[in-house]
PDB file of N, CA and C in Angstrom:
ATOM      1  N   UNK A   1     100.590  80.199  84.797  1.00  0.00           N
ATOM      2  CA  UNK A   1      99.355  81.248  84.537  1.00  0.00           C
ATOM      3  C   UNK A   1     100.688  82.256  84.433  1.00  0.00           C
ATOM      4  N   UNK A   2     100.070  83.328  83.450  1.00  0.00           N
ATOM      5  CA  UNK A   2     100.700  84.604  83.171  1.00  0.00           C
ATOM      6  C   UNK A   2     100.510  85.673  84.311  1.00  0.00           C
ATOM      7  N   UNK A   3     101.512  86.369  84.372  1.00  0.00           N
ATOM      8  CA  UNK A   3     101.493  87.298  85.963  1.00  0.00           C
ATOM      9  C   UNK A   3     101.000  88.389  85.137  1.00  0.00           C
ATOM     10  N   UNK A   4      99.963  89.281  86.090  1.00  0.00           N
ATOM     11  CA  UNK A   4      99.441  90.346  85.467  1.00  0.00           C
ATOM     12  C   UNK A   4      99.397  91.330  86.456  1.00  0.00           C
ATOM     13  N   UNK A   5      99.304  92.554  86.158  1.00  0.00           N
ATOM     14  CA  UNK A   5      99.465  93.440  86.987  1.00  0.00           C
ATOM     15  C   UNK A   5      97.608  93.708  88.031  1.00  0.00           C
ATOM     16  N   UNK A   6      96.605  93.174  87.796  1.00  0.00           N
ATOM     17  CA  UNK A   6      95.341  93.029  88.464  1.00  0.00           C
ATOM     18  C   UNK A   6      94.140  94.307  87.913  1.00  0.00           C
ATOM     19  N   UNK A   7      94.878  94.969  86.762  1.00  0.00           N
ATOM     20  CA  UNK A   7      94.187  95.832  86.262  1.00  0.00           C
ATOM     21  C   UNK A   7      92.874  95.397  85.771  1.00  0.00           C
ATOM     22  N   UNK A   8      91.528  95.561  86.410  1.00  0.00           N
ATOM     23  CA  UNK A   8      90.266  95.334  85.563  1.00  0.00           C
ATOM     24  C   UNK A   8      88.877  95.195  86.597  1.00  0.00           C
ATOM     25  N   UNK A   9      87.959  95.302  85.821  1.00  0.00           N
ATOM     26  CA  UNK A   9      86.876  95.582  86.801  1.00  0.00           C
ATOM     27  C   UNK A   9      86.203  94.093  87.353  1.00  0.00           C
ATOM     28  N   UNK A  10      85.915  93.588  88.365  1.00  0.00           N
ATOM     29  CA  UNK A  10      85.369  92.614  88.778  1.00  0.00           C
ATOM     30  C   UNK A  10      83.892  92.662  89.564  1.00  0.00           C
ATOM     31  N   UNK A  11      83.275  91.569  89.733  1.00  0.00           N
ATOM     32  CA  UNK A  11      81.766  91.778  90.316  1.00  0.00           C
ATOM     33  C   UNK A  11      81.892  90.627  91.704  1.00  0.00           C
ATOM     34  N   UNK A  12      81.596  91.559  92.830  1.00  0.00           N
ATOM     35  CA  UNK A  12      81.779  90.833  94.087  1.00  0.00           C
ATOM     36  C   UNK A  12      80.608  90.095  94.362  1.00  0.00           C
ATOM     37  N   UNK A  13      80.496  89.020  95.126  1.00  0.00           N
ATOM     38  CA  UNK A  13      79.125  87.936  95.583  1.00  0.00           C
ATOM     39  C   UNK A  13      77.994  88.754  96.173  1.00  0.00           C
ATOM     40  N   UNK A  14      78.413  89.969  96.200  1.00  0.00           N
ATOM     41  CA  UNK A  14      77.121  90.802  96.625  1.00  0.00           C
ATOM     42  C   UNK A  14      76.635  91.753  95.622  1.00  0.00           C
ATOM     43  N   UNK A  15      77.318  91.603  94.093  1.00  0.00           N
ATOM     44  CA  UNK A  15      76.893  92.235  93.441  1.00  0.00           C
ATOM     45  C   UNK A  15      77.541  93.413  93.107  1.00  0.00           C
ATOM     46  N   UNK A  16      78.328  94.130  93.712  1.00  0.00           N
ATOM     47  CA  UNK A  16      79.058  95.266  93.329  1.00  0.00           C
ATOM     48  C   UNK A  16      80.292  95.221  92.236  1.00  0.00           C
ATOM     49  N   UNK A  17      80.313  96.243  92.072  1.00  0.00           N
ATOM     50  CA  UNK A  17      81.611  96.428  90.981  1.00  0.00           C
ATOM     51  C   UNK A  17      82.670  97.051  91.534  1.00  0.00           C
ATOM     52  N   UNK A  18      84.002  96.418  91.332  1.00  0.00           N
ATOM     53  CA  UNK A  18      84.956  96.612  92.107  1.00  0.00           C
ATOM     54  C   UNK A  18      86.100  97.207  91.123  1.00  0.00           C
ATOM     55  N   UNK A  19      87.032  97.947  91.008  1.00  0.00           N
ATOM     56  CA  UNK A  19      87.967  98.064  90.205  1.00  0.00           C
ATOM     57  C   UNK A  19      89.549  97.088  91.228  1.00  0.00           C
ATOM     58  N   UNK A  20      89.815  96.177  90.770  1.00  0.00           N
ATOM     59  CA  UNK A  20      91.441  95.524  90.698  1.00  0.00           C
ATOM     60  C   UNK A  20      91.139  93.626  90.628  1.00  0.00           C
ATOM     61  N   UNK A  21      91.181  93.389  90.166  1.00  0.00           N
ATOM     62  CA  UNK A  21      91.040  91.663  89.864  1.00  0.00           C
ATOM     63  C   UNK A  21      91.550  91.066  91.192  1.00  0.00           C
ATOM     64  N   UNK A  22      92.778  91.797  92.012  1.00  0.00           N
ATOM     65  CA  UNK A  22      93.237  90.999  92.781  1.00  0.00           C
ATOM     66  C   UNK A  22      92.594  91.895  94.295  1.00  0.00           C
ATOM     67  N   UNK A  23      91.418  92.599  94.241  1.00  0.00           N
ATOM     68  CA  UNK A  23      91.445  93.350  95.379  1.00  0.00           C
ATOM     69  C   UNK A  23      92.325  94.723  95.450  1.00  0.00           C
ATOM     70  N   UNK A  24      92.321  95.442  96.622  1.00  0.00           N
ATOM     71  CA  UNK A  24      92.736  96.425  96.698  1.00  0.00           C
ATOM     72  C   UNK A  24      93.764  96.541  97.954  1.00  0.00           C
ATOM     73  N   UNK A  25      94.912  97.622  97.854  1.00  0.00           N
ATOM     74  CA  UNK A  25      95.310  97.576  99.128  1.00  0.00           C
ATOM     75  C   UNK A  25      95.434  99.424  99.040  1.00  0.00           C
ATOM     76  N   UNK A  26      96.043  99.731 100.392  1.00  0.00           N
ATOM     77  CA  UNK A  26      96.244 101.195 100.397  1.00  0.00           C
ATOM     78  C   UNK A  26      97.832 101.331 101.403  1.00  0.00           C
ATOM     79  N   UNK A  27      97.945 102.573 101.037  1.00  0.00           N
ATOM     80  CA  UNK A  27      99.500 102.906 101.405  1.00  0.00           C
ATOM     81  C   UNK A  27      99.282 104.147 102.273  1.00  0.00           C
ATOM     82  N   UNK A  28      99.579 104.538 103.637  1.00  0.00           N
ATOM     83  CA  UNK A  28      99.360 106.044 104.177  1.00  0.00           C
ATOM     84  C   UNK A  28     100.747 105.857 104.362  1.00  0.00           C
ATOM     85  N   UNK A  29     100.982 107.414 104.261  1.00  0.00           N
ATOM     86  CA  UNK A  29     102.407 108.574 104.125  1.00  0.00           C
ATOM     87  C   UNK A  29     101.466 109.643 105.095  1.00  0.00           C
ATOM     88  N   UNK A  30     102.430 109.631 106.088  1.00  0.00           N
ATOM     89  CA  UNK A  30     102.190 110.896 106.983  1.00  0.00           C
ATOM     90  C   UNK A  30     103.756 111.653 107.291  1.00  0.00           C
ATOM     91  N   UNK A  31     103.560 112.875 106.802  1.00  0.00           N
ATOM     92  CA  UNK A  31     104.919 113.672 107.528  1.00  0.00           C
ATOM     93  C   UNK A  31     104.402 115.212 107.764  1.00  0.00           C
ATOM     94  N   UNK A  32     104.945 115.130 109.043  1.00  0.00           N
ATOM     95  CA  UNK A  32     104.779 116.405 109.914  1.00  0.00           C
ATOM     96  C   UNK A  32     103.091 117.285 109.627  1.00  0.00           C
ATOM     97  N   UNK A  33     102.805 116.714 110.204  1.00  0.00           N
ATOM     98  CA  UNK A  33     101.116 116.960 109.994  1.00  0.00           C
ATOM     99  C   UNK A  33     100.210 116.725 108.780  1.00  0.00           C
ATOM    100  N   UNK A  34     100.958 116.466 108.059  1.00  0.00           N
ATOM    101  CA  UNK A  34     100.316 116.211 106.326  1.00  0.00           C
ATOM    102  C   UNK A  34     100.227 114.697 105.852  1.00  0.00           C
ATOM    103  N   UNK A  35      99.112 114.211 105.243  1.00  0.00           N
ATOM    104  CA  UNK A  35      98.754 113.362 104.664  1.00  0.00           C
ATOM    105  C   UNK A  35      98.875 113.068 103.066  1.00  0.00           C
ATOM    106  N   UNK A  36      99.483 111.993 102.604  1.00  0.00           N
ATOM    107  CA  UNK A  36      99.703 112.379 100.677  1.00  0.00           C
ATOM    108  C   UNK A  36      98.183 111.719 100.364  1.00  0.00           C
ATOM    109  N   UNK A  37      97.711 112.437  99.849  1.00  0.00           N
ATOM    110  CA  UNK A  37      96.539 111.827  99.043  1.00  0.00           C
ATOM    111  C   UNK A  37      96.610 111.741  97.596  1.00  0.00           C
ATOM    112  N   UNK A  38      95.893 111.354  97.080  1.00  0.00           N
ATOM    113  CA  UNK A  38      95.966 110.750  95.615  1.00  0.00           C
ATOM    114  C   UNK A  38      94.490 110.807  94.912  1.00  0.00           C
ATOM    115  N   UNK A  39      94.487 112.031  94.167  1.00  0.00           N
ATOM    116  CA  UNK A  39      93.375 112.008  93.214  1.00  0.00           C
ATOM    117  C   UNK A  39      93.032 111.377  91.907  1.00  0.00           C
ATOM    118  N   UNK A  40      92.185 110.280  92.050  1.00  0.00           N
ATOM    119  CA  UNK A  40      92.087 109.058  91.228  1.00  0.00           C
ATOM    120  C   UNK A  40      91.521 109.820  90.234  1.00  0.00           C
ATOM    121  N   UNK A  41      92.181 109.197  89.029  1.00  0.00           N
ATOM    122  CA  UNK A  41      91.705 109.609  87.176  1.00  0.00           C
ATOM    123  C   UNK A  41      90.463 109.083  87.455  1.00  0.00           C
ATOM    124  N   UNK A  42      89.779 110.098  86.798  1.00  0.00           N
ATOM    125  CA  UNK A  42      87.982 109.965  86.657  1.00  0.00           C
ATOM    126  C   UNK A  42      87.647 108.300  86.068  1.00  0.00           C
ATOM    127  N   UNK A  43      88.261 107.438  85.379  1.00  0.00           N
ATOM    128  CA  UNK A  43      87.721 106.414  84.749  1.00  0.00           C
ATOM    129  C   UNK A  43      87.752 105.165  85.909  1.00  0.00           C
ATOM    130  N   UNK A  44      88.734 105.479  86.834  1.00  0.00           N
ATOM    131  CA  UNK A  44      89.080 104.476  87.847  1.00  0.00           C
ATOM    132  C   UNK A  44      87.710 104.489  88.681  1.00  0.00           C
ATOM    133  N   UNK A  45      87.812 103.242  89.666  1.00  0.00           N
ATOM    134  CA  UNK A  45      86.467 102.688  90.518  1.00  0.00           C
ATOM    135  C   UNK A  45      86.651 104.432  91.795  1.00  0.00           C
ATOM    136  N   UNK A  46      85.182 104.587  92.017  1.00  0.00           N
ATOM    137  CA  UNK A  46      85.313 106.257  92.565  1.00  0.00           C
ATOM    138  C   UNK A  46      85.780 107.263  92.326  1.00  0.00           C
ATOM    139  N   UNK A  47      86.354 107.225  91.048  1.00  0.00           N
ATOM    140  CA  UNK A  47      87.415 108.299  90.828  1.00  0.00           C
ATOM    141  C   UNK A  47      86.404 109.545  90.450  1.00  0.00           C
ATOM    142  N   UNK A  48      86.948 110.975  90.775  1.00  0.00           N
ATOM    143  CA  UNK A  48      86.319 111.952  90.294  1.00  0.00           C
ATOM    144  C   UNK A  48      87.721 112.995  89.993  1.00  0.00           C
ATOM    145  N   UNK A  49     111.519 111.319 102.146  1.00  0.00           N
ATOM    146  CA  UNK A  49     112.302 112.671 100.984  1.00  0.00           C
ATOM    147  C   UNK A  49     111.481 112.318  99.509  1.00  0.00           C
ATOM    148  N   UNK A  50     110.440 112.295 100.374  1.00  0.00           N
ATOM    149  CA  UNK A  50     109.578 111.847  98.849  1.00  0.00           C
ATOM    150  C   UNK A  50     109.334 112.918  98.099  1.00  0.00           C
ATOM    151  N   UNK A  51     109.015 112.644  97.073  1.00  0.00           N
ATOM    152  CA  UNK A  51     108.276 113.607  95.915  1.00  0.00           C
ATOM    153  C   UNK A  51     107.079 112.729  94.933  1.00  0.00           C
ATOM    154  N   UNK A  52     106.010 113.515  95.262  1.00  0.00           N
ATOM    155  CA  UNK A  52     104.801 113.153  95.137  1.00  0.00           C
ATOM    156  C   UNK A  52     104.386 113.617  93.693  1.00  0.00           C
ATOM    157  N   UNK A  53     104.489 112.325  92.765  1.00  0.00           N
ATOM    158  CA  UNK A  53     103.968 112.741  91.571  1.00  0.00           C
ATOM    159  C   UNK A  53     103.276 111.317  90.776  1.00  0.00           C
ATOM    160  N   UNK A  54     101.972 111.264  90.126  1.00  0.00           N
ATOM    161  CA  UNK A  54     101.632 110.514  89.479  1.00  0.00           C
ATOM    162  C   UNK A  54     102.636 109.647  88.584  1.00  0.00           C
ATOM    163  N   UNK A  55     102.286 108.397  88.972  1.00  0.00           N
ATOM    164  CA  UNK A  55     102.933 107.100  88.717  1.00  0.00           C
ATOM    165  C   UNK A  55     102.364 106.453  87.440  1.00  0.00           C
ATOM    166  N   UNK A  56     100.909 106.704  87.198  1.00  0.00           N
ATOM    167  CA  UNK A  56     100.205 105.912  86.164  1.00  0.00           C
ATOM    168  C   UNK A  56      98.972 106.905  85.710  1.00  0.00           C
ATOM    169  N   UNK A  57      98.572 105.944  84.918  1.00  0.00           N
ATOM    170  CA  UNK A  57      97.325 106.960  84.524  1.00  0.00           C
ATOM    171  C   UNK A  57      96.281 106.637  85.424  1.00  0.00           C
ATOM    172  N   UNK A  58      95.970 105.864  86.690  1.00  0.00           N
ATOM    173  CA  UNK A  58      95.526 105.991  87.376  1.00  0.00           C
ATOM    174  C   UNK A  58      94.958 106.955  88.371  1.00  0.00           C
ATOM    175  N   UNK A  59      95.989 108.288  88.222  1.00  0.00           N
ATOM    176  CA  UNK A  59      96.222 108.759  89.572  1.00  0.00           C
ATOM    177  C   UNK A  59      96.004 110.441  88.478  1.00  0.00           C
ATOM    178  N   UNK A  60      95.151 110.903  88.965  1.00  0.00           N
ATOM    179  CA  UNK A  60      95.209 112.425  87.910  1.00  0.00           C
ATOM    180  C   UNK A  60      96.157 113.405  88.973  1.00  0.00           C
ATOM    181  N   UNK A  61      95.928 113.314  90.204  1.00  0.00           N
ATOM    182  CA  UNK A  61      97.278 114.403  91.014  1.00  0.00           C
ATOM    183  C   UNK A  61      97.712 113.794  92.352  1.00  0.00           C
ATOM    184  N   UNK A  62      98.591 113.837  92.923  1.00  0.00           N
ATOM    185  CA  UNK A  62      99.109 113.336  94.032  1.00  0.00           C
ATOM    186  C   UNK A  62      99.745 114.660  94.909  1.00  0.00           C
ATOM    187  N   UNK A  63      99.293 115.124  96.198  1.00  0.00           N
ATOM    188  CA  UNK A  63      99.900 116.007  96.987  1.00  0.00           C
ATOM    189  C   UNK A  63      99.852 116.129  98.649  1.00  0.00           C
ATOM    190  N   UNK A  64     100.757 116.237  99.082  1.00  0.00           N
ATOM    191  CA  UNK A  64     100.599 116.384 100.569  1.00  0.00           C
ATOM    192  C   UNK A  64      99.462 117.256 100.777  1.00  0.00           C
ATOM    193  N   UNK A  65      98.382 116.809 101.943  1.00  0.00           N
ATOM    194  CA  UNK A  65      97.332 117.986 102.546  1.00  0.00           C
ATOM    195  C   UNK A  65      97.955 117.775 104.022  1.00  0.00           C
ATOM    196  N   UNK A  66      97.488 118.865 104.487  1.00  0.00           N
ATOM    197  CA  UNK A  66      97.084 119.138 105.964  1.00  0.00           C
ATOM    198  C   UNK A  66      96.141 118.329 106.422  1.00  0.00           C
ATOM    199  N   UNK A  67      96.235 117.760 107.637  1.00  0.00           N
ATOM    200  CA  UNK A  67      95.312 116.694 108.612  1.00  0.00           C
ATOM    201  C   UNK A  67      93.905 117.744 108.417  1.00  0.00           C
ATOM    202  N   UNK A  68      94.186 119.028 108.952  1.00  0.00           N
ATOM    203  CA  UNK A  68      92.927 119.728 109.052  1.00  0.00           C
ATOM    204  C   UNK A  68      92.434 120.238 107.641  1.00  0.00           C
ATOM    205  N   UNK A  69      92.977 120.170 106.457  1.00  0.00           N
ATOM    206  CA  UNK A  69      92.185 119.876 105.044  1.00  0.00           C
ATOM    207  C   UNK A  69      91.769 119.046 104.392  1.00  0.00           C
ATOM    208  N   UNK A  70      92.123 117.730 105.213  1.00  0.00           N
ATOM    209  CA  UNK A  70      91.575 116.591 104.386  1.00  0.00           C
ATOM    210  C   UNK A  70      90.057 116.252 104.134  1.00  0.00           C
ATOM    211  N   UNK A  71      89.169 116.822 105.062  1.00  0.00           N
ATOM    212  CA  UNK A  71      87.809 116.798 104.900  1.00  0.00           C
ATOM    213  C   UNK A  71      87.139 117.947 103.900  1.00  0.00           C
ATOM    214  N   UNK A  72      88.428 118.840 103.828  1.00  0.00           N
ATOM    215  CA  UNK A  72      87.979 120.204 102.784  1.00  0.00           C
ATOM    216  C   UNK A  72      87.938 119.582 101.111  1.00  0.00           C
ATOM    217  N   UNK A  73      88.631 118.213 100.810  1.00  0.00           N
ATOM    218  CA  UNK A  73      88.728 117.369  99.491  1.00  0.00           C
ATOM    219  C   UNK A  73      87.671 116.958  99.329  1.00  0.00           C
ATOM    220  N   UNK A  74      87.275 116.580  98.086  1.00  0.00           N
ATOM    221  CA  UNK A  74      86.637 115.440  97.541  1.00  0.00           C
ATOM    222  C   UNK A  74      86.880 114.395  97.477  1.00  0.00           C
ATOM    223  N   UNK A  75      86.797 113.555  99.021  1.00  0.00           N
ATOM    224  CA  UNK A  75      87.263 111.903  99.097  1.00  0.00           C
ATOM    225  C   UNK A  75      86.322 111.028  98.831  1.00  0.00           C
ATOM    226  N   UNK A  76      87.636 109.848  98.067  1.00  0.00           N
ATOM    227  CA  UNK A  76      86.737 108.527  97.950  1.00  0.00           C
ATOM    228  C   UNK A  76      85.926 108.023  98.996  1.00  0.00           C
ATOM    229  N   UNK A  77      85.013 107.607  98.806  1.00  0.00           N
ATOM    230  CA  UNK A  77      83.720 107.516 100.084  1.00  0.00           C
ATOM    231  C   UNK A  77      84.029 107.008 100.880  1.00  0.00           C
ATOM    232  N   UNK A  78      84.845 105.649 101.041  1.00  0.00           N
ATOM    233  CA  UNK A  78      85.499 104.982 102.220  1.00  0.00           C
ATOM    234  C   UNK A  78      86.356 105.411 102.804  1.00  0.00           C
ATOM    235  N   UNK A  79      87.321 106.230 102.205  1.00  0.00           N
ATOM    236  CA  UNK A  79      88.380 106.812 103.258  1.00  0.00           C
ATOM    237  C   UNK A  79      87.501 108.036 103.554  1.00  0.00           C
ATOM    238  N   UNK A  80      86.535 108.857 103.469  1.00  0.00           N
ATOM    239  CA  UNK A  80      86.072 109.945 103.891  1.00  0.00           C
ATOM    240  C   UNK A  80      85.685 109.043 105.095  1.00  0.00           C
ATOM    241  N   UNK A  81      84.704 108.133 104.953  1.00  0.00           N
ATOM    242  CA  UNK A  81      83.931 107.164 105.989  1.00  0.00           C
ATOM    243  C   UNK A  81      85.040 107.021 107.420  1.00  0.00           C
ATOM    244  N   UNK A  82      85.950 106.749 106.828  1.00  0.00           N
ATOM    245  CA  UNK A  82      87.166 106.171 107.871  1.00  0.00           C
ATOM    246  C   UNK A  82      88.352 107.219 108.322  1.00  0.00           C
ATOM    247  N   UNK A  83      88.095 108.355 107.717  1.00  0.00           N
ATOM    248  CA  UNK A  83      89.259 109.603 108.137  1.00  0.00           C
ATOM    249  C   UNK A  83      89.160 110.010 109.297  1.00  0.00           C
ATOM    250  N   UNK A  84      88.016 110.208 110.195  1.00  0.00           N
ATOM    251  CA  UNK A  84      88.111 110.616 111.410  1.00  0.00           C
ATOM    252  C   UNK A  84      88.232 109.615 112.472  1.00  0.00           C
ATOM    253  N   UNK A  85      88.810 108.556 112.180  1.00  0.00           N
ATOM    254  CA  UNK A  85      88.899 107.605 113.262  1.00  0.00           C
ATOM    255  C   UNK A  85      90.490 107.167 113.149  1.00  0.00           C
ATOM    256  N   UNK A  86      90.956 107.405 111.520  1.00  0.00           N
ATOM    257  CA  UNK A  86      92.319 107.468 111.075  1.00  0.00           C
ATOM    258  C   UNK A  86      93.026 108.667 111.744  1.00  0.00           C
ATOM    259  N   UNK A  87      92.192 109.802 111.528  1.00  0.00           N
ATOM    260  CA  UNK A  87      93.091 111.034 112.060  1.00  0.00           C
ATOM    261  C   UNK A  87      93.360 110.790 113.261  1.00  0.00           C
ATOM    262  N   UNK A  88      91.842 110.324 114.679  1.00  0.00           N
ATOM    263  CA  UNK A  88      92.427 110.217 115.843  1.00  0.00           C
ATOM    264  C   UNK A  88      93.300 109.351 116.118  1.00  0.00           C
ATOM    265  N   UNK A  89      93.455 108.047 115.391  1.00  0.00           N
ATOM    266  CA  UNK A  89      94.469 107.017 115.898  1.00  0.00           C
ATOM    267  C   UNK A  89      95.995 107.898 115.659  1.00  0.00           C
ATOM    268  N   UNK A  90      96.434 108.099 114.129  1.00  0.00           N
ATOM    269  CA  UNK A  90      97.234 109.038 113.796  1.00  0.00           C
ATOM    270  C   UNK A  90      97.728 109.736 114.982  1.00  0.00           C
ATOM    271  N   UNK A  91      96.986 110.879 115.674  1.00  0.00           N
ATOM    272  CA  UNK A  91      97.131 111.751 116.796  1.00  0.00           C
ATOM    273  C   UNK A  91      97.632 110.980 118.009  1.00  0.00           C
ATOM    274  N   UNK A  92      97.231 109.690 118.183  1.00  0.00           N
ATOM    275  CA  UNK A  92      97.900 109.052 118.985  1.00  0.00           C
ATOM    276  C   UNK A  92      98.913 108.733 119.092  1.00  0.00           C
ATOM    277  N   UNK A  93      99.731 108.336 117.592  1.00  0.00           N
ATOM    278  CA  UNK A  93     100.533 107.495 117.080  1.00  0.00           C
ATOM    279  C   UNK A  93     101.688 108.539 116.987  1.00  0.00           C
ATOM    280  N   UNK A  94     101.337 109.748 116.880  1.00  0.00           N
ATOM    281  CA  UNK A  94     102.216 110.640 116.066  1.00  0.00           C
ATOM    282  C   UNK A  94     102.765 111.796 117.518  1.00  0.00           C
ATOM    283  N   UNK A  95     102.176 111.557 118.764  1.00  0.00           N
ATOM    284  CA  UNK A  95     102.625 112.533 119.996  1.00  0.00           C
ATOM    285  C   UNK A  95     103.834 111.724 120.635  1.00  0.00           C
TER     286      UNK A  95
END
């Protein structure tokens, strides 16, 4: 079998369409009360010492955002739904 990066649409058993033939994963980067957010490109699923920059065409923008400003952003629906719990957990871990 040839190795592929997993780009592509798949349909789950519930009938929903998702981006990523191998599923999805996330990476959460936190620094000094900020979180690194990716503004996904419009064509991807739910799209609308570190130096952050776009690594491929799945990203439109990447930048550090203050925790208090995260909800002011147009967030991926799943991330928006989970951000309050995640922010509370981060608050406990970073104290």
